[in-house]
PDB file of all heavy atoms in Angstrom:
ATOM      1  N   GLY A   1       5.602 -18.063 -23.805  1.00  0.00           N
ATOM      2  CA  GLY A   1       6.716 -17.696 -24.779  1.00  0.00           C
ATOM      3  C   GLY A   1       7.487 -16.443 -24.421  1.00  0.00           C
ATOM      4  O   GLY A   1       8.372 -16.018 -25.199  1.00  0.00           O
ATOM      5  N   LEU A   2       7.248 -15.908 -23.192  1.00  0.00           N
ATOM      6  CA  LEU A   2       8.008 -14.656 -22.785  1.00  0.00           C
ATOM      7  C   LEU A   2       9.356 -15.079 -22.307  1.00  0.00           C
ATOM      8  O   LEU A   2       9.605 -16.112 -21.698  1.00  0.00           O
ATOM      9  CB  LEU A   2       7.223 -13.933 -21.762  1.00  0.00           C
ATOM     10  CG  LEU A   2       6.127 -12.970 -22.164  1.00  0.00           C
ATOM     11  CD1 LEU A   2       5.015 -13.631 -22.890  1.00  0.00           C
ATOM     12  CD2 LEU A   2       5.623 -12.135 -21.019  1.00  0.00           C
ATOM     13  N   SER A   3      10.319 -14.137 -22.532  1.00  0.00           N
ATOM     14  CA  SER A   3      11.654 -14.362 -21.936  1.00  0.00           C
ATOM     15  C   SER A   3      11.587 -14.032 -20.431  1.00  0.00           C
ATOM     16  O   SER A   3      10.615 -13.446 -19.911  1.00  0.00           O
ATOM     17  CB  SER A   3      12.598 -13.333 -22.590  1.00  0.00           C
ATOM     18  OG  SER A   3      12.298 -12.041 -22.267  1.00  0.00           O
ATOM     19  N   LYS A   4      12.730 -14.351 -19.745  1.00  0.00           N
ATOM     20  CA  LYS A   4      12.801 -14.066 -18.326  1.00  0.00           C
ATOM     21  C   LYS A   4      12.605 -12.590 -18.025  1.00  0.00           C
ATOM     22  O   LYS A   4      11.869 -12.176 -17.055  1.00  0.00           O
ATOM     23  CB  LYS A   4      14.112 -14.563 -17.752  1.00  0.00           C
ATOM     24  CG  LYS A   4      14.183 -14.417 -16.164  1.00  0.00           C
ATOM     25  CD  LYS A   4      15.484 -15.078 -15.672  1.00  0.00           C
ATOM     26  CE  LYS A   4      15.580 -14.975 -14.176  1.00  0.00           C
ATOM     27  NZ  LYS A   4      16.817 -15.566 -13.658  1.00  0.00           N
ATOM     28  N   LEU A   5      13.204 -11.729 -18.806  1.00  0.00           N
ATOM     29  CA  LEU A   5      13.122 -10.229 -18.547  1.00  0.00           C
ATOM     30  C   LEU A   5      11.715  -9.845 -18.826  1.00  0.00           C
ATOM     31  O   LEU A   5      11.132  -9.025 -18.054  1.00  0.00           O
ATOM     32  CB  LEU A   5      14.067  -9.557 -19.546  1.00  0.00           C
ATOM     33  CG  LEU A   5      14.073  -8.002 -19.413  1.00  0.00           C
ATOM     34  CD1 LEU A   5      14.558  -7.586 -17.960  1.00  0.00           C
ATOM     35  CD2 LEU A   5      15.001  -7.395 -20.487  1.00  0.00           C
ATOM     36  N   GLN A   6      11.034 -10.346 -19.924  1.00  0.00           N
ATOM     37  CA  GLN A   6       9.656  -9.975 -20.180  1.00  0.00           C
ATOM     38  C   GLN A   6       8.767 -10.412 -19.078  1.00  0.00           C
ATOM     39  O   GLN A   6       7.796  -9.654 -18.659  1.00  0.00           O
ATOM     40  CB  GLN A   6       9.282 -10.521 -21.515  1.00  0.00           C
ATOM     41  CG  GLN A   6       9.857  -9.809 -22.713  1.00  0.00           C
ATOM     42  CD  GLN A   6       9.617 -10.566 -23.981  1.00  0.00           C
ATOM     43  OE1 GLN A   6       9.440 -11.816 -24.029  1.00  0.00           O
ATOM     44  NE2 GLN A   6       9.661  -9.890 -25.111  1.00  0.00           N
ATOM     45  N   ALA A   7       8.930 -11.625 -18.525  1.00  0.00           N
ATOM     46  CA  ALA A   7       8.089 -12.166 -17.457  1.00  0.00           C
ATOM     47  C   ALA A   7       8.284 -11.226 -16.182  1.00  0.00           C
ATOM     48  O   ALA A   7       7.364 -11.051 -15.459  1.00  0.00           O
ATOM     49  CB  ALA A   7       8.467 -13.603 -17.200  1.00  0.00           C
ATOM     50  N   ASN A   8       9.551 -10.730 -15.979  1.00  0.00           N
ATOM     51  CA  ASN A   8       9.770  -9.839 -14.874  1.00  0.00           C
ATOM     52  C   ASN A   8       9.020  -8.543 -14.995  1.00  0.00           C
ATOM     53  O   ASN A   8       8.451  -8.026 -14.009  1.00  0.00           O
ATOM     54  CB  ASN A   8      11.208  -9.623 -14.713  1.00  0.00           C
ATOM     55  CG  ASN A   8      11.985 -10.766 -14.041  1.00  0.00           C
ATOM     56  OD1 ASN A   8      11.431 -11.560 -13.364  1.00  0.00           O
ATOM     57  ND2 ASN A   8      13.298 -10.835 -14.305  1.00  0.00           N
ATOM     58  N   TYR A   9       8.913  -8.129 -16.179  1.00  0.00           N
ATOM     59  CA  TYR A   9       8.135  -6.866 -16.424  1.00  0.00           C
ATOM     60  C   TYR A   9       6.579  -7.089 -16.108  1.00  0.00           C
ATOM     61  O   TYR A   9       5.947  -6.225 -15.506  1.00  0.00           O
ATOM     62  CB  TYR A   9       8.263  -6.351 -17.869  1.00  0.00           C
ATOM     63  CG  TYR A   9       9.582  -5.706 -18.202  1.00  0.00           C
ATOM     64  CD1 TYR A   9      10.258  -5.958 -19.376  1.00  0.00           C
ATOM     65  CD2 TYR A   9      10.180  -4.837 -17.336  1.00  0.00           C
ATOM     66  CE1 TYR A   9      11.464  -5.362 -19.695  1.00  0.00           C
ATOM     67  CE2 TYR A   9      11.384  -4.119 -17.571  1.00  0.00           C
ATOM     68  CZ  TYR A   9      11.990  -4.477 -18.785  1.00  0.00           C
ATOM     69  OH  TYR A   9      13.136  -3.902 -19.041  1.00  0.00           O
ATOM     70  N   VAL A  10       6.120  -8.270 -16.463  1.00  0.00           N
ATOM     71  CA  VAL A  10       4.753  -8.587 -16.227  1.00  0.00           C
ATOM     72  C   VAL A  10       4.557  -8.715 -14.679  1.00  0.00           C
ATOM     73  O   VAL A  10       3.557  -8.182 -14.108  1.00  0.00           O
ATOM     74  CB  VAL A  10       4.332  -9.921 -16.807  1.00  0.00           C
ATOM     75  CG1 VAL A  10       2.908 -10.326 -16.435  1.00  0.00           C
ATOM     76  CG2 VAL A  10       4.380  -9.814 -18.376  1.00  0.00           C
ATOM     77  N   GLN A  11       5.462  -9.306 -13.967  1.00  0.00           N
ATOM     78  CA  GLN A  11       5.388  -9.433 -12.515  1.00  0.00           C
ATOM     79  C   GLN A  11       5.446  -8.067 -11.871  1.00  0.00           C
ATOM     80  O   GLN A  11       4.719  -7.792 -10.889  1.00  0.00           O
ATOM     81  CB  GLN A  11       6.599 -10.276 -12.019  1.00  0.00           C
ATOM     82  CG  GLN A  11       6.571 -10.529 -10.484  1.00  0.00           C
ATOM     83  CD  GLN A  11       5.593 -11.632 -10.009  1.00  0.00           C
ATOM     84  OE1 GLN A  11       5.064 -12.355 -10.874  1.00  0.00           O
ATOM     85  NE2 GLN A  11       5.395 -11.732  -8.734  1.00  0.00           N
ATOM     86  N   MET A  12       6.321  -7.170 -12.270  1.00  0.00           N
ATOM     87  CA  MET A  12       6.378  -5.825 -11.752  1.00  0.00           C
ATOM     88  C   MET A  12       5.083  -5.104 -12.026  1.00  0.00           C
ATOM     89  O   MET A  12       4.659  -4.289 -11.100  1.00  0.00           O
ATOM     90  CB  MET A  12       7.505  -5.144 -12.348  1.00  0.00           C
ATOM     91  CG  MET A  12       8.943  -5.576 -11.919  1.00  0.00           C
ATOM     92  SD  MET A  12      10.357  -4.727 -12.542  1.00  0.00           S
ATOM     93  CE  MET A  12      10.258  -3.233 -11.675  1.00  0.00           C
ATOM     94  N   GLY A  13       4.497  -5.294 -13.139  1.00  0.00           N
ATOM     95  CA  GLY A  13       3.162  -4.674 -13.449  1.00  0.00           C
ATOM     96  C   GLY A  13       2.151  -5.154 -12.374  1.00  0.00           C
ATOM     97  O   GLY A  13       1.369  -4.285 -11.943  1.00  0.00           O
ATOM     98  N   TYR A  14       2.172  -6.363 -12.050  1.00  0.00           N
ATOM     99  CA  TYR A  14       1.220  -6.898 -11.087  1.00  0.00           C
ATOM    100  C   TYR A  14       1.503  -6.183  -9.728  1.00  0.00           C
ATOM    101  O   TYR A  14       0.541  -5.736  -9.053  1.00  0.00           O
ATOM    102  CB  TYR A  14       1.481  -8.445 -10.876  1.00  0.00           C
ATOM    103  CG  TYR A  14       0.620  -9.129  -9.912  1.00  0.00           C
ATOM    104  CD1 TYR A  14      -0.701  -9.398 -10.178  1.00  0.00           C
ATOM    105  CD2 TYR A  14       1.110  -9.615  -8.744  1.00  0.00           C
ATOM    106  CE1 TYR A  14      -1.545 -10.027  -9.341  1.00  0.00           C
ATOM    107  CE2 TYR A  14       0.276 -10.187  -7.834  1.00  0.00           C
ATOM    108  CZ  TYR A  14      -0.985 -10.503  -8.072  1.00  0.00           C
ATOM    109  OH  TYR A  14      -1.786 -11.131  -7.230  1.00  0.00           O
ATOM    110  N   ASN A  15       2.677  -6.002  -9.317  1.00  0.00           N
ATOM    111  CA  ASN A  15       3.004  -5.333  -8.032  1.00  0.00           C
ATOM    112  C   ASN A  15       2.635  -3.842  -8.030  1.00  0.00           C
ATOM    113  O   ASN A  15       2.145  -3.342  -7.088  1.00  0.00           O
ATOM    114  CB  ASN A  15       4.526  -5.514  -7.662  1.00  0.00           C
ATOM    115  CG  ASN A  15       4.884  -6.870  -7.128  1.00  0.00           C
ATOM    116  OD1 ASN A  15       4.071  -7.366  -6.342  1.00  0.00           O
ATOM    117  ND2 ASN A  15       5.919  -7.434  -7.597  1.00  0.00           N
ATOM    118  N   VAL A  16       2.922  -3.204  -9.213  1.00  0.00           N
ATOM    119  CA  VAL A  16       2.568  -1.821  -9.285  1.00  0.00           C
ATOM    120  C   VAL A  16       1.057  -1.634  -9.227  1.00  0.00           C
ATOM    121  O   VAL A  16       0.534  -0.738  -8.558  1.00  0.00           O
ATOM    122  CB  VAL A  16       3.115  -1.139 -10.630  1.00  0.00           C
ATOM    123  CG1 VAL A  16       2.464   0.204 -10.933  1.00  0.00           C
ATOM    124  CG2 VAL A  16       4.607  -1.120 -10.579  1.00  0.00           C
ATOM    125  N   GLY A  17       0.243  -2.485  -9.945  1.00  0.00           N
ATOM    126  CA  GLY A  17      -1.160  -2.420  -9.809  1.00  0.00           C
ATOM    127  C   GLY A  17      -1.618  -2.686  -8.414  1.00  0.00           C
ATOM    128  O   GLY A  17      -2.582  -2.130  -7.967  1.00  0.00           O
ATOM    129  N   GLY A  18      -0.956  -3.622  -7.679  1.00  0.00           N
ATOM    130  CA  GLY A  18      -1.219  -3.905  -6.306  1.00  0.00           C
ATOM    131  C   GLY A  18      -1.189  -2.743  -5.419  1.00  0.00           C
ATOM    132  O   GLY A  18      -1.971  -2.467  -4.509  1.00  0.00           O
ATOM    133  N   ILE A  19      -0.054  -1.916  -5.604  1.00  0.00           N
ATOM    134  CA  ILE A  19       0.182  -0.716  -4.807  1.00  0.00           C
ATOM    135  C   ILE A  19      -0.969   0.248  -4.996  1.00  0.00           C
ATOM    136  O   ILE A  19      -1.530   0.815  -4.064  1.00  0.00           O
ATOM    137  CB  ILE A  19       1.532  -0.082  -5.135  1.00  0.00           C
ATOM    138  CG1 ILE A  19       2.676  -0.961  -4.781  1.00  0.00           C
ATOM    139  CG2 ILE A  19       1.696   1.242  -4.350  1.00  0.00           C
ATOM    140  CD1 ILE A  19       4.014  -0.575  -5.259  1.00  0.00           C
ATOM    141  N   LEU A  20      -1.306   0.486  -6.292  1.00  0.00           N
ATOM    142  CA  LEU A  20      -2.356   1.434  -6.567  1.00  0.00           C
ATOM    143  C   LEU A  20      -3.667   1.020  -6.108  1.00  0.00           C
ATOM    144  O   LEU A  20      -4.429   1.742  -5.573  1.00  0.00           O
ATOM    145  CB  LEU A  20      -2.382   1.715  -8.086  1.00  0.00           C
ATOM    146  CG  LEU A  20      -1.140   2.239  -8.755  1.00  0.00           C
ATOM    147  CD1 LEU A  20      -1.244   2.262 -10.272  1.00  0.00           C
ATOM    148  CD2 LEU A  20      -0.850   3.713  -8.215  1.00  0.00           C
ATOM    149  N   GLY A  21      -4.001  -0.280  -6.359  1.00  0.00           N
ATOM    150  CA  GLY A  21      -5.253  -0.861  -5.992  1.00  0.00           C
ATOM    151  C   GLY A  21      -5.577  -0.889  -4.559  1.00  0.00           C
ATOM    152  O   GLY A  21      -6.656  -0.585  -4.036  1.00  0.00           O
ATOM    153  N   SER A  22      -4.500  -1.221  -3.758  1.00  0.00           N
ATOM    154  CA  SER A  22      -4.688  -1.414  -2.277  1.00  0.00           C
ATOM    155  C   SER A  22      -5.060  -0.002  -1.646  1.00  0.00           C
ATOM    156  O   SER A  22      -5.762   0.017  -0.612  1.00  0.00           O
ATOM    157  CB  SER A  22      -3.375  -1.923  -1.677  1.00  0.00           C
ATOM    158  OG  SER A  22      -2.270  -1.184  -1.857  1.00  0.00           O
ATOM    159  N   ILE A  23      -4.585   1.063  -2.223  1.00  0.00           N
ATOM    160  CA  ILE A  23      -4.941   2.475  -1.746  1.00  0.00           C
ATOM    161  C   ILE A  23      -6.357   2.818  -2.230  1.00  0.00           C
ATOM    162  O   ILE A  23      -7.215   3.219  -1.541  1.00  0.00           O
ATOM    163  CB  ILE A  23      -3.913   3.496  -2.065  1.00  0.00           C
ATOM    164  CG1 ILE A  23      -2.573   3.037  -1.448  1.00  0.00           C
ATOM    165  CG2 ILE A  23      -4.327   4.823  -1.653  1.00  0.00           C
ATOM    166  CD1 ILE A  23      -1.459   4.029  -1.823  1.00  0.00           C
ATOM    167  N   LEU A  24      -6.472   2.653  -3.612  1.00  0.00           N
ATOM    168  CA  LEU A  24      -7.682   3.125  -4.191  1.00  0.00           C
ATOM    169  C   LEU A  24      -8.908   2.427  -3.722  1.00  0.00           C
ATOM    170  O   LEU A  24      -9.967   3.142  -3.444  1.00  0.00           O
ATOM    171  CB  LEU A  24      -7.555   2.871  -5.701  1.00  0.00           C
ATOM    172  CG  LEU A  24      -8.777   3.358  -6.612  1.00  0.00           C
ATOM    173  CD1 LEU A  24      -9.016   4.844  -6.476  1.00  0.00           C
ATOM    174  CD2 LEU A  24      -8.552   2.931  -8.063  1.00  0.00           C
ATOM    175  N   MET A  25      -8.965   1.131  -3.618  1.00  0.00           N
ATOM    176  CA  MET A  25     -10.123   0.402  -3.223  1.00  0.00           C
ATOM    177  C   MET A  25     -10.605   0.827  -1.816  1.00  0.00           C
ATOM    178  O   MET A  25     -11.798   0.849  -1.565  1.00  0.00           O
ATOM    179  CB  MET A  25      -9.935  -1.113  -3.407  1.00  0.00           C
ATOM    180  CG  MET A  25      -9.694  -1.481  -4.822  1.00  0.00           C
ATOM    181  SD  MET A  25     -10.980  -0.833  -6.005  1.00  0.00           S
ATOM    182  CE  MET A  25     -10.043  -1.093  -7.485  1.00  0.00           C
ATOM    183  N   GLY A  26      -9.646   1.005  -0.910  1.00  0.00           N
ATOM    184  CA  GLY A  26      -9.990   1.407   0.486  1.00  0.00           C
ATOM    185  C   GLY A  26     -10.694   2.754   0.528  1.00  0.00           C
ATOM    186  O   GLY A  26     -11.677   3.049   1.230  1.00  0.00           O
ATOM    187  N   VAL A  27     -10.064   3.673  -0.298  1.00  0.00           N
ATOM    188  CA  VAL A  27     -10.660   5.020  -0.423  1.00  0.00           C
ATOM    189  C   VAL A  27     -12.059   4.983  -0.932  1.00  0.00           C
ATOM    190  O   VAL A  27     -13.063   5.637  -0.383  1.00  0.00           O
ATOM    191  CB  VAL A  27      -9.786   5.932  -1.283  1.00  0.00           C
ATOM    192  CG1 VAL A  27     -10.420   7.301  -1.475  1.00  0.00           C
ATOM    193  CG2 VAL A  27      -8.418   6.164  -0.621  1.00  0.00           C
ATOM    194  N   LEU A  28     -12.285   4.163  -1.973  1.00  0.00           N
ATOM    195  CA  LEU A  28     -13.660   4.116  -2.582  1.00  0.00           C
ATOM    196  C   LEU A  28     -14.577   3.395  -1.606  1.00  0.00           C
ATOM    197  O   LEU A  28     -15.808   3.762  -1.562  1.00  0.00           O
ATOM    198  CB  LEU A  28     -13.549   3.171  -3.835  1.00  0.00           C
ATOM    199  CG  LEU A  28     -12.810   3.787  -5.011  1.00  0.00           C
ATOM    200  CD1 LEU A  28     -12.820   2.870  -6.207  1.00  0.00           C
ATOM    201  CD2 LEU A  28     -13.496   5.102  -5.446  1.00  0.00           C
ATOM    202  N   LEU A  29     -14.097   2.492  -0.770  1.00  0.00           N
ATOM    203  CA  LEU A  29     -14.916   1.837   0.205  1.00  0.00           C
ATOM    204  C   LEU A  29     -15.585   2.784   1.138  1.00  0.00           C
ATOM    205  O   LEU A  29     -16.647   2.647   1.672  1.00  0.00           O
ATOM    206  CB  LEU A  29     -14.165   0.739   1.000  1.00  0.00           C
ATOM    207  CG  LEU A  29     -14.875  -0.395   1.622  1.00  0.00           C
ATOM    208  CD1 LEU A  29     -15.661  -1.200   0.605  1.00  0.00           C
ATOM    209  CD2 LEU A  29     -13.933  -1.306   2.392  1.00  0.00           C
ATOM    210  N   ASP A  30     -14.773   3.835   1.524  1.00  0.00           N
ATOM    211  CA  ASP A  30     -15.176   4.860   2.489  1.00  0.00           C
ATOM    212  C   ASP A  30     -16.108   5.942   1.773  1.00  0.00           C
ATOM    213  O   ASP A  30     -16.853   6.547   2.443  1.00  0.00           O
ATOM    214  CB  ASP A  30     -14.048   5.610   3.102  1.00  0.00           C
ATOM    215  CG  ASP A  30     -13.314   4.699   4.125  1.00  0.00           C
ATOM    216  OD1 ASP A  30     -13.914   3.763   4.723  1.00  0.00           O
ATOM    217  OD2 ASP A  30     -12.093   4.923   4.385  1.00  0.00           O
ATOM    218  N   LYS A  31     -15.885   6.146   0.504  1.00  0.00           N
ATOM    219  CA  LYS A  31     -16.525   7.224  -0.242  1.00  0.00           C
ATOM    220  C   LYS A  31     -17.902   6.781  -0.882  1.00  0.00           C
ATOM    221  O   LYS A  31     -18.790   7.565  -0.995  1.00  0.00           O
ATOM    222  CB  LYS A  31     -15.681   7.799  -1.276  1.00  0.00           C
ATOM    223  CG  LYS A  31     -14.326   8.405  -0.802  1.00  0.00           C
ATOM    224  CD  LYS A  31     -14.541   9.686  -0.077  1.00  0.00           C
ATOM    225  CE  LYS A  31     -13.148  10.287   0.357  1.00  0.00           C
ATOM    226  NZ  LYS A  31     -13.316  11.452   1.109  1.00  0.00           N
ATOM    227  N   LEU A  32     -17.961   5.505  -1.414  1.00  0.00           N
ATOM    228  CA  LEU A  32     -19.040   5.056  -2.140  1.00  0.00           C
ATOM    229  C   LEU A  32     -19.779   3.955  -1.446  1.00  0.00           C
ATOM    230  O   LEU A  32     -19.377   3.396  -0.348  1.00  0.00           O
ATOM    231  CB  LEU A  32     -18.575   4.596  -3.498  1.00  0.00           C
ATOM    232  CG  LEU A  32     -17.810   5.582  -4.380  1.00  0.00           C
ATOM    233  CD1 LEU A  32     -17.260   4.879  -5.673  1.00  0.00           C
ATOM    234  CD2 LEU A  32     -18.619   6.836  -4.632  1.00  0.00           C
ATOM    235  N   ARG A  33     -20.916   3.502  -1.995  1.00  0.00           N
ATOM    236  CA  ARG A  33     -21.703   2.472  -1.411  1.00  0.00           C
ATOM    237  C   ARG A  33     -20.917   1.203  -1.475  1.00  0.00           C
ATOM    238  O   ARG A  33     -20.302   0.853  -2.532  1.00  0.00           O
ATOM    239  CB  ARG A  33     -23.093   2.360  -2.167  1.00  0.00           C
ATOM    240  CG  ARG A  33     -24.102   1.673  -1.453  1.00  0.00           C
ATOM    241  CD  ARG A  33     -25.517   1.808  -2.076  1.00  0.00           C
ATOM    242  NE  ARG A  33     -25.462   1.049  -3.346  1.00  0.00           N
ATOM    243  CZ  ARG A  33     -25.509   1.645  -4.535  1.00  0.00           C
ATOM    244  NH1 ARG A  33     -25.536   3.027  -4.606  1.00  0.00           N
ATOM    245  NH2 ARG A  33     -25.516   0.948  -5.649  1.00  0.00           N
ATOM    246  N   MET A  34     -20.814   0.441  -0.339  1.00  0.00           N
ATOM    247  CA  MET A  34     -19.948  -0.747  -0.311  1.00  0.00           C
ATOM    248  C   MET A  34     -20.356  -1.814  -1.337  1.00  0.00           C
ATOM    249  O   MET A  34     -19.448  -2.385  -1.963  1.00  0.00           O
ATOM    250  CB  MET A  34     -20.037  -1.423   1.110  1.00  0.00           C
ATOM    251  CG  MET A  34     -19.247  -0.625   2.103  1.00  0.00           C
ATOM    252  SD  MET A  34     -18.931  -1.549   3.714  1.00  0.00           S
ATOM    253  CE  MET A  34     -20.629  -1.755   4.293  1.00  0.00           C
ATOM    254  N   SER A  35     -21.610  -1.977  -1.671  1.00  0.00           N
ATOM    255  CA  SER A  35     -22.053  -2.973  -2.543  1.00  0.00           C
ATOM    256  C   SER A  35     -21.466  -2.608  -4.025  1.00  0.00           C
ATOM    257  O   SER A  35     -21.077  -3.468  -4.761  1.00  0.00           O
ATOM    258  CB  SER A  35     -23.480  -3.149  -2.598  1.00  0.00           C
ATOM    259  OG  SER A  35     -24.215  -1.967  -2.972  1.00  0.00           O
ATOM    260  N   PHE A  36     -21.467  -1.380  -4.284  1.00  0.00           N
ATOM    261  CA  PHE A  36     -20.959  -0.873  -5.573  1.00  0.00           C
ATOM    262  C   PHE A  36     -19.467  -1.144  -5.761  1.00  0.00           C
ATOM    263  O   PHE A  36     -18.989  -1.619  -6.766  1.00  0.00           O
ATOM    264  CB  PHE A  36     -21.164   0.625  -5.853  1.00  0.00           C
ATOM    265  CG  PHE A  36     -20.627   1.203  -7.057  1.00  0.00           C
ATOM    266  CD1 PHE A  36     -21.169   1.033  -8.270  1.00  0.00           C
ATOM    267  CD2 PHE A  36     -19.424   1.934  -7.008  1.00  0.00           C
ATOM    268  CE1 PHE A  36     -20.615   1.565  -9.479  1.00  0.00           C
ATOM    269  CE2 PHE A  36     -18.857   2.450  -8.074  1.00  0.00           C
ATOM    270  CZ  PHE A  36     -19.382   2.228  -9.345  1.00  0.00           C
TER     271      PHE A  36
END
């Protein structure tokens, strides 16, 4: 039921999360136990 503009905001949220996550998870992989 979202409009095209609202759906674009959700898609942009996905990309913003991807930018943050791709950096953060690699840093954590080097700093913390891999299994954690």
